[in-house]
Amino acid sequence: MASTDVELMLRCREDPGALEALVERYEQPLMNFIARMIGDRVEAEDLFQETFVRVMRSAGRYTPKARFSTWLFTIARNLSIDHLKKRRGLPTVPLDSIEEEAPAAAPPRTRGRGGEPEGSGPDPSEAAATAESVVAVRRAIAALSPPKREALTLRLYQGLPYAEIAQVVRAPVGTVKFRVHEAVREVAEALGVPREQVDLLRKGGRGE
């Protein structure tokens, strides 16, 4: 049975492998969160490393008063905000360059002797349309105000419940719900789709 986050954190002082396990467990979600916060994948890597430096420094006085993920995302959020304050006034990198690469269009399929396409790969036009949709969503989220963007990111991409998001961003639950609601509305308007389509994406949150 895998160790819980808290069990790993409490072992960090004596067991380097415990910290490595936490880094591996949270690498993708935390990197994506920081990247969306600051708009730069390369700089996000530095902040990701600094987040776990802070975690290690706090190992001796860590007490599990809240969920480990809440505490971890709070550290990352604070570092991201400090970073943005220092960088204020400098040009930012578009959001479509900070996530994983958008799906590339598949190469043209060769045809067999009978003139039928060989293989059963995706249609190139469909792959291109998917890539364009991914970029459009990223740009719509990037255009949100920072409070709405972080609330939507934590809810939509990290699947955190509203109560946990409220602890991370230090705002009432009602305020968080309003920010997510408004963020969904603005993204839907930017994409020209019914908000229900965006709502479907955020149903994966871990409850309320």
C-alpha atoms as a PDB file:
ATOM      1  CA  MET A   1       0.000   0.000   0.000  1.00  0.00           C
ATOM      2  CA  ALA A   2       1.388   3.386  -1.007  1.00  0.00           C
ATOM      3  CA  SER A   3       2.313   5.831   1.742  1.00  0.00           C
ATOM      4  CA  THR A   4       0.122   8.884   2.192  1.00  0.00           C
ATOM      5  CA  ASP A   5       1.456  12.401   1.570  1.00  0.00           C
ATOM      6  CA  VAL A   6       1.588  13.098   5.299  1.00  0.00           C
ATOM      7  CA  GLU A   7       3.450   9.858   6.036  1.00  0.00           C
ATOM      8  CA  LEU A   8       6.036  10.703   3.380  1.00  0.00           C
ATOM      9  CA  MET A   9       6.401  14.265   4.659  1.00  0.00           C
ATOM     10  CA  LEU A  10       6.958  13.117   8.224  1.00  0.00           C
ATOM     11  CA  ARG A  11       9.709  10.738   7.013  1.00  0.00           C
ATOM     12  CA  CYS A  12      11.509  13.386   4.952  1.00  0.00           C
ATOM     13  CA  ARG A  13      14.009  14.246   7.683  1.00  0.00           C
ATOM     14  CA  GLU A  14      15.444  10.721   7.865  1.00  0.00           C
ATOM     15  CA  ASP A  15      14.500   9.296   4.475  1.00  0.00           C
ATOM     16  CA  PRO A  16      15.602  11.119   1.284  1.00  0.00           C
ATOM     17  CA  GLY A  17      13.489   8.683  -0.697  1.00  0.00           C
ATOM     18  CA  ALA A  18      10.349  10.085   0.928  1.00  0.00           C
ATOM     19  CA  LEU A  19      10.991  13.538  -0.525  1.00  0.00           C
ATOM     20  CA  GLU A  20      11.744  12.017  -3.918  1.00  0.00           C
ATOM     21  CA  ALA A  21       8.413  10.207  -3.797  1.00  0.00           C
ATOM     22  CA  LEU A  22       6.575  13.457  -3.061  1.00  0.00           C
ATOM     23  CA  VAL A  23       8.396  15.265  -5.873  1.00  0.00           C
ATOM     24  CA  GLU A  24       7.483  12.517  -8.318  1.00  0.00           C
ATOM     25  CA  ARG A  25       3.870  12.429  -7.115  1.00  0.00           C
ATOM     26  CA  TYR A  26       3.320  16.166  -7.523  1.00  0.00           C
ATOM     27  CA  GLU A  27       5.650  16.997 -10.403  1.00  0.00           C
ATOM     28  CA  GLN A  28       3.054  17.224 -13.151  1.00  0.00           C
ATOM     29  CA  PRO A  29       0.139  18.901 -11.312  1.00  0.00           C
ATOM     30  CA  LEU A  30       2.348  21.386  -9.475  1.00  0.00           C
ATOM     31  CA  MET A  31       4.417  22.248 -12.551  1.00  0.00           C
ATOM     32  CA  ASN A  32       1.264  22.858 -14.574  1.00  0.00           C
ATOM     33  CA  PHE A  33      -0.209  25.034 -11.820  1.00  0.00           C
ATOM     34  CA  ILE A  34       2.911  27.203 -11.519  1.00  0.00           C
ATOM     35  CA  ALA A  35       3.292  27.465 -15.292  1.00  0.00           C
ATOM     36  CA  ARG A  36      -0.268  28.685 -15.664  1.00  0.00           C
ATOM     37  CA  MET A  37       0.242  31.135 -12.820  1.00  0.00           C
ATOM     38  CA  ILE A  38       3.347  32.812 -14.216  1.00  0.00           C
ATOM     39  CA  GLY A  39       3.091  32.090 -17.959  1.00  0.00           C
ATOM     40  CA  ASP A  40       6.573  30.640 -18.420  1.00  0.00           C
ATOM     41  CA  ARG A  41       7.405  26.929 -18.367  1.00  0.00           C
ATOM     42  CA  VAL A  42      11.153  27.419 -17.890  1.00  0.00           C
ATOM     43  CA  GLU A  43      10.762  29.777 -14.944  1.00  0.00           C
ATOM     44  CA  ALA A  44       8.106  27.450 -13.546  1.00  0.00           C
ATOM     45  CA  GLU A  45      10.733  24.714 -13.270  1.00  0.00           C
ATOM     46  CA  ASP A  46      12.835  26.972 -11.041  1.00  0.00           C
ATOM     47  CA  LEU A  47       9.842  27.779  -8.837  1.00  0.00           C
ATOM     48  CA  PHE A  48       8.936  24.098  -8.680  1.00  0.00           C
ATOM     49  CA  GLN A  49      12.407  23.330  -7.338  1.00  0.00           C
ATOM     50  CA  GLU A  50      12.217  26.242  -4.884  1.00  0.00           C
ATOM     51  CA  THR A  51       8.848  24.979  -3.646  1.00  0.00           C
ATOM     52  CA  PHE A  52      10.394  21.669  -2.624  1.00  0.00           C
ATOM     53  CA  VAL A  53      13.411  23.420  -1.131  1.00  0.00           C
ATOM     54  CA  ARG A  54      10.931  25.199   1.143  1.00  0.00           C
ATOM     55  CA  VAL A  55       9.199  21.888   1.836  1.00  0.00           C
ATOM     56  CA  MET A  56      12.487  20.298   2.899  1.00  0.00           C
ATOM     57  CA  ARG A  57      13.413  23.264   5.082  1.00  0.00           C
ATOM     58  CA  SER A  58      10.047  22.968   6.815  1.00  0.00           C
ATOM     59  CA  ALA A  59      10.264  19.216   7.381  1.00  0.00           C
ATOM     60  CA  GLY A  60      11.458  19.575  10.973  1.00  0.00           C
ATOM     61  CA  ARG A  61       8.499  21.706  12.037  1.00  0.00           C
ATOM     62  CA  TYR A  62       5.814  20.301   9.764  1.00  0.00           C
ATOM     63  CA  THR A  63       2.548  19.402  11.457  1.00  0.00           C
ATOM     64  CA  PRO A  64      -0.350  17.941   9.446  1.00  0.00           C
ATOM     65  CA  LYS A  65      -2.967  20.563  10.333  1.00  0.00           C
ATOM     66  CA  ALA A  66      -4.310  20.663   6.765  1.00  0.00           C
ATOM     67  CA  ARG A  67      -4.076  18.447   3.696  1.00  0.00           C
ATOM     68  CA  PHE A  68      -0.506  18.205   2.440  1.00  0.00           C
ATOM     69  CA  SER A  69      -1.623  19.236  -1.054  1.00  0.00           C
ATOM     70  CA  THR A  70      -3.215  22.411   0.346  1.00  0.00           C
ATOM     71  CA  TRP A  71       0.011  23.334   2.113  1.00  0.00           C
ATOM     72  CA  LEU A  72       2.126  22.504  -0.943  1.00  0.00           C
ATOM     73  CA  PHE A  73       0.023  24.497  -3.410  1.00  0.00           C
ATOM     74  CA  THR A  74      -0.018  27.431  -0.976  1.00  0.00           C
ATOM     75  CA  ILE A  75       3.801  27.511  -0.975  1.00  0.00           C
ATOM     76  CA  ALA A  76       3.860  27.337  -4.779  1.00  0.00           C
ATOM     77  CA  ARG A  77       1.210  30.043  -5.089  1.00  0.00           C
ATOM     78  CA  ASN A  78       3.074  32.424  -2.777  1.00  0.00           C
ATOM     79  CA  LEU A  79       6.334  31.890  -4.669  1.00  0.00           C
ATOM     80  CA  SER A  80       4.522  32.479  -7.970  1.00  0.00           C
ATOM     81  CA  ILE A  81       2.975  35.717  -6.733  1.00  0.00           C
ATOM     82  CA  ASP A  82       6.353  36.965  -5.459  1.00  0.00           C
ATOM     83  CA  HIS A  83       7.889  36.061  -8.805  1.00  0.00           C
ATOM     84  CA  LEU A  84       5.218  37.975 -10.728  1.00  0.00           C
ATOM     85  CA  LYS A  85       5.714  41.045  -8.529  1.00  0.00           C
ATOM     86  CA  LYS A  86       9.436  41.048  -9.284  1.00  0.00           C
ATOM     87  CA  ARG A  87       8.792  40.534 -12.982  1.00  0.00           C
ATOM     88  CA  ARG A  88       6.046  43.160 -13.232  1.00  0.00           C
ATOM     89  CA  GLY A  89       6.408  45.271 -16.343  1.00  0.00           C
ATOM     90  CA  LEU A  90       8.358  42.629 -18.263  1.00  0.00           C
ATOM     91  CA  PRO A  91       6.817  40.860 -21.274  1.00  0.00           C
ATOM     92  CA  THR A  92       5.237  37.496 -20.530  1.00  0.00           C
ATOM     93  CA  VAL A  93       5.241  34.295 -22.547  1.00  0.00           C
ATOM     94  CA  PRO A  94       1.894  33.335 -24.152  1.00  0.00           C
ATOM     95  CA  LEU A  95       0.072  30.545 -22.370  1.00  0.00           C
ATOM     96  CA  ASP A  96       0.148  28.288 -25.422  1.00  0.00           C
ATOM     97  CA  SER A  97       3.898  27.854 -24.873  1.00  0.00           C
ATOM     98  CA  ILE A  98       3.792  26.799 -21.222  1.00  0.00           C
ATOM     99  CA  GLU A  99       1.837  23.570 -21.269  1.00  0.00           C
ATOM    100  CA  GLU A 100       2.646  20.280 -22.822  1.00  0.00           C
ATOM    101  CA  GLU A 101       3.011  20.523 -26.571  1.00  0.00           C
ATOM    102  CA  ALA A 102      -0.303  20.726 -28.411  1.00  0.00           C
ATOM    103  CA  PRO A 103      -1.053  17.604 -30.429  1.00  0.00           C
ATOM    104  CA  ALA A 104       0.641  17.860 -33.799  1.00  0.00           C
ATOM    105  CA  ALA A 105      -1.176  17.138 -37.019  1.00  0.00           C
ATOM    106  CA  ALA A 106      -0.610  13.565 -38.128  1.00  0.00           C
ATOM    107  CA  PRO A 107       1.404  13.047 -41.336  1.00  0.00           C
ATOM    108  CA  PRO A 108      -0.560  12.192 -44.492  1.00  0.00           C
ATOM    109  CA  ARG A 109      -1.451   8.519 -44.652  1.00  0.00           C
ATOM    110  CA  THR A 110      -0.160   6.491 -47.531  1.00  0.00           C
ATOM    111  CA  ARG A 111      -2.581   4.575 -49.672  1.00  0.00           C
ATOM    112  CA  GLY A 112      -2.516   0.897 -50.415  1.00  0.00           C
ATOM    113  CA  ARG A 113      -2.859  -0.751 -53.776  1.00  0.00           C
ATOM    114  CA  GLY A 114      -6.617  -0.408 -53.696  1.00  0.00           C
ATOM    115  CA  GLY A 115      -6.448   3.311 -53.074  1.00  0.00           C
ATOM    116  CA  GLU A 116      -7.601   2.977 -49.452  1.00  0.00           C
ATOM    117  CA  PRO A 117      -5.625   4.718 -46.655  1.00  0.00           C
ATOM    118  CA  GLU A 118      -3.246   2.380 -44.870  1.00  0.00           C
ATOM    119  CA  GLY A 119      -3.462   2.108 -41.114  1.00  0.00           C
ATOM    120  CA  SER A 120      -6.129   3.471 -38.805  1.00  0.00           C
ATOM    121  CA  GLY A 121      -4.412   6.623 -37.516  1.00  0.00           C
ATOM    122  CA  PRO A 122      -6.295   9.854 -36.793  1.00  0.00           C
ATOM    123  CA  ASP A 123      -7.406  12.094 -39.616  1.00  0.00           C
ATOM    124  CA  PRO A 124      -4.857  14.949 -40.013  1.00  0.00           C
ATOM    125  CA  SER A 125      -7.630  17.546 -40.140  1.00  0.00           C
ATOM    126  CA  GLU A 126      -9.063  16.253 -36.871  1.00  0.00           C
ATOM    127  CA  ALA A 127      -5.644  16.375 -35.183  1.00  0.00           C
ATOM    128  CA  ALA A 128      -5.114  19.943 -36.402  1.00  0.00           C
ATOM    129  CA  ALA A 129      -8.534  20.974 -35.120  1.00  0.00           C
ATOM    130  CA  THR A 130      -7.736  19.435 -31.734  1.00  0.00           C
ATOM    131  CA  ALA A 131      -4.444  21.337 -31.536  1.00  0.00           C
ATOM    132  CA  GLU A 132      -6.208  24.602 -32.379  1.00  0.00           C
ATOM    133  CA  SER A 133      -8.818  23.952 -29.693  1.00  0.00           C
ATOM    134  CA  VAL A 134      -6.142  23.314 -27.064  1.00  0.00           C
ATOM    135  CA  VAL A 135      -4.371  26.566 -27.921  1.00  0.00           C
ATOM    136  CA  ALA A 136      -7.672  28.488 -27.883  1.00  0.00           C
ATOM    137  CA  VAL A 137      -8.520  27.200 -24.402  1.00  0.00           C
ATOM    138  CA  ARG A 138      -5.063  28.126 -23.079  1.00  0.00           C
ATOM    139  CA  ARG A 139      -5.336  31.623 -24.473  1.00  0.00           C
ATOM    140  CA  ALA A 140      -8.802  32.080 -22.995  1.00  0.00           C
ATOM    141  CA  ILE A 141      -7.549  31.010 -19.559  1.00  0.00           C
ATOM    142  CA  ALA A 142      -4.469  33.226 -19.885  1.00  0.00           C
ATOM    143  CA  ALA A 143      -6.737  36.230 -20.478  1.00  0.00           C
ATOM    144  CA  LEU A 144      -8.463  35.751 -17.115  1.00  0.00           C
ATOM    145  CA  SER A 145      -7.557  37.926 -14.142  1.00  0.00           C
ATOM    146  CA  PRO A 146      -4.993  36.211 -11.847  1.00  0.00           C
ATOM    147  CA  PRO A 147      -7.544  35.410  -9.058  1.00  0.00           C
ATOM    148  CA  LYS A 148      -9.964  33.830 -11.536  1.00  0.00           C
ATOM    149  CA  ARG A 149      -7.201  32.002 -13.390  1.00  0.00           C
ATOM    150  CA  GLU A 150      -5.740  30.397 -10.269  1.00  0.00           C
ATOM    151  CA  ALA A 151      -9.191  29.425  -8.955  1.00  0.00           C
ATOM    152  CA  LEU A 152     -10.156  27.842 -12.277  1.00  0.00           C
ATOM    153  CA  THR A 153      -6.782  26.104 -12.596  1.00  0.00           C
ATOM    154  CA  LEU A 154      -7.002  24.573  -9.136  1.00  0.00           C
ATOM    155  CA  ARG A 155     -10.589  23.464  -9.729  1.00  0.00           C
ATOM    156  CA  LEU A 156     -10.448  22.447 -13.378  1.00  0.00           C
ATOM    157  CA  TYR A 157      -6.951  21.016 -13.769  1.00  0.00           C
ATOM    158  CA  GLN A 158      -6.019  19.962 -10.238  1.00  0.00           C
ATOM    159  CA  GLY A 159      -9.516  18.818  -9.242  1.00  0.00           C
ATOM    160  CA  LEU A 160      -9.379  20.390  -5.786  1.00  0.00           C
ATOM    161  CA  PRO A 161     -12.618  20.863  -3.818  1.00  0.00           C
ATOM    162  CA  TYR A 162     -13.730  24.442  -3.199  1.00  0.00           C
ATOM    163  CA  ALA A 163     -12.867  24.269   0.505  1.00  0.00           C
ATOM    164  CA  GLU A 164      -9.280  23.318  -0.249  1.00  0.00           C
ATOM    165  CA  ILE A 165      -8.931  26.007  -2.936  1.00  0.00           C
ATOM    166  CA  ALA A 166     -10.205  28.535  -0.402  1.00  0.00           C
ATOM    167  CA  GLN A 167      -7.384  27.568   1.956  1.00  0.00           C
ATOM    168  CA  VAL A 168      -4.769  27.830  -0.788  1.00  0.00           C
ATOM    169  CA  VAL A 169      -5.840  31.270  -2.026  1.00  0.00           C
ATOM    170  CA  ARG A 170      -6.903  32.503   1.428  1.00  0.00           C
ATOM    171  CA  ALA A 171     -10.392  33.508   0.390  1.00  0.00           C
ATOM    172  CA  PRO A 172     -13.899  32.505   1.521  1.00  0.00           C
ATOM    173  CA  VAL A 173     -15.424  29.492  -0.186  1.00  0.00           C
ATOM    174  CA  GLY A 174     -18.179  31.684  -1.598  1.00  0.00           C
ATOM    175  CA  THR A 175     -15.602  33.963  -3.197  1.00  0.00           C
ATOM    176  CA  VAL A 176     -13.828  30.987  -4.746  1.00  0.00           C
ATOM    177  CA  LYS A 177     -17.074  29.655  -6.192  1.00  0.00           C
ATOM    178  CA  PHE A 178     -17.853  33.072  -7.668  1.00  0.00           C
ATOM    179  CA  ARG A 179     -14.392  33.309  -9.246  1.00  0.00           C
ATOM    180  CA  VAL A 180     -14.720  29.865 -10.806  1.00  0.00           C
ATOM    181  CA  HIS A 181     -18.230  30.677 -12.021  1.00  0.00           C
ATOM    182  CA  GLU A 182     -17.084  33.920 -13.638  1.00  0.00           C
ATOM    183  CA  ALA A 183     -13.967  32.289 -15.074  1.00  0.00           C
ATOM    184  CA  VAL A 184     -16.069  29.584 -16.723  1.00  0.00           C
ATOM    185  CA  ARG A 185     -18.402  32.236 -18.161  1.00  0.00           C
ATOM    186  CA  GLU A 186     -15.518  34.298 -19.562  1.00  0.00           C
ATOM    187  CA  VAL A 187     -13.769  31.266 -21.068  1.00  0.00           C
ATOM    188  CA  ALA A 188     -17.034  30.131 -22.670  1.00  0.00           C
ATOM    189  CA  GLU A 189     -17.577  33.589 -24.149  1.00  0.00           C
ATOM    190  CA  ALA A 190     -14.014  33.729 -25.468  1.00  0.00           C
ATOM    191  CA  LEU A 191     -14.420  30.323 -27.124  1.00  0.00           C
ATOM    192  CA  GLY A 192     -17.922  31.045 -28.382  1.00  0.00           C
ATOM    193  CA  VAL A 193     -19.380  27.915 -26.780  1.00  0.00           C
ATOM    194  CA  PRO A 194     -22.163  27.333 -24.220  1.00  0.00           C
ATOM    195  CA  ARG A 195     -20.830  27.536 -20.670  1.00  0.00           C
ATOM    196  CA  GLU A 196     -22.160  24.012 -20.111  1.00  0.00           C
ATOM    197  CA  GLN A 197     -19.301  22.705 -22.269  1.00  0.00           C
ATOM    198  CA  VAL A 198     -16.785  24.345 -19.954  1.00  0.00           C
ATOM    199  CA  ASP A 199     -18.741  23.218 -16.900  1.00  0.00           C
ATOM    200  CA  LEU A 200     -18.336  19.617 -18.010  1.00  0.00           C
ATOM    201  CA  LEU A 201     -14.573  20.034 -17.800  1.00  0.00           C
ATOM    202  CA  ARG A 202     -14.698  21.052 -14.171  1.00  0.00           C
ATOM    203  CA  LYS A 203     -17.002  18.282 -12.944  1.00  0.00           C
ATOM    204  CA  GLY A 204     -13.906  16.269 -12.075  1.00  0.00           C
ATOM    205  CA  GLY A 205     -13.259  18.248  -8.916  1.00  0.00           C
ATOM    206  CA  ARG A 206     -13.068  16.232  -5.710  1.00  0.00           C
ATOM    207  CA  GLY A 207     -16.509  17.243  -4.449  1.00  0.00           C
ATOM    208  CA  GLU A 208     -17.467  20.643  -3.111  1.00  0.00           C
END
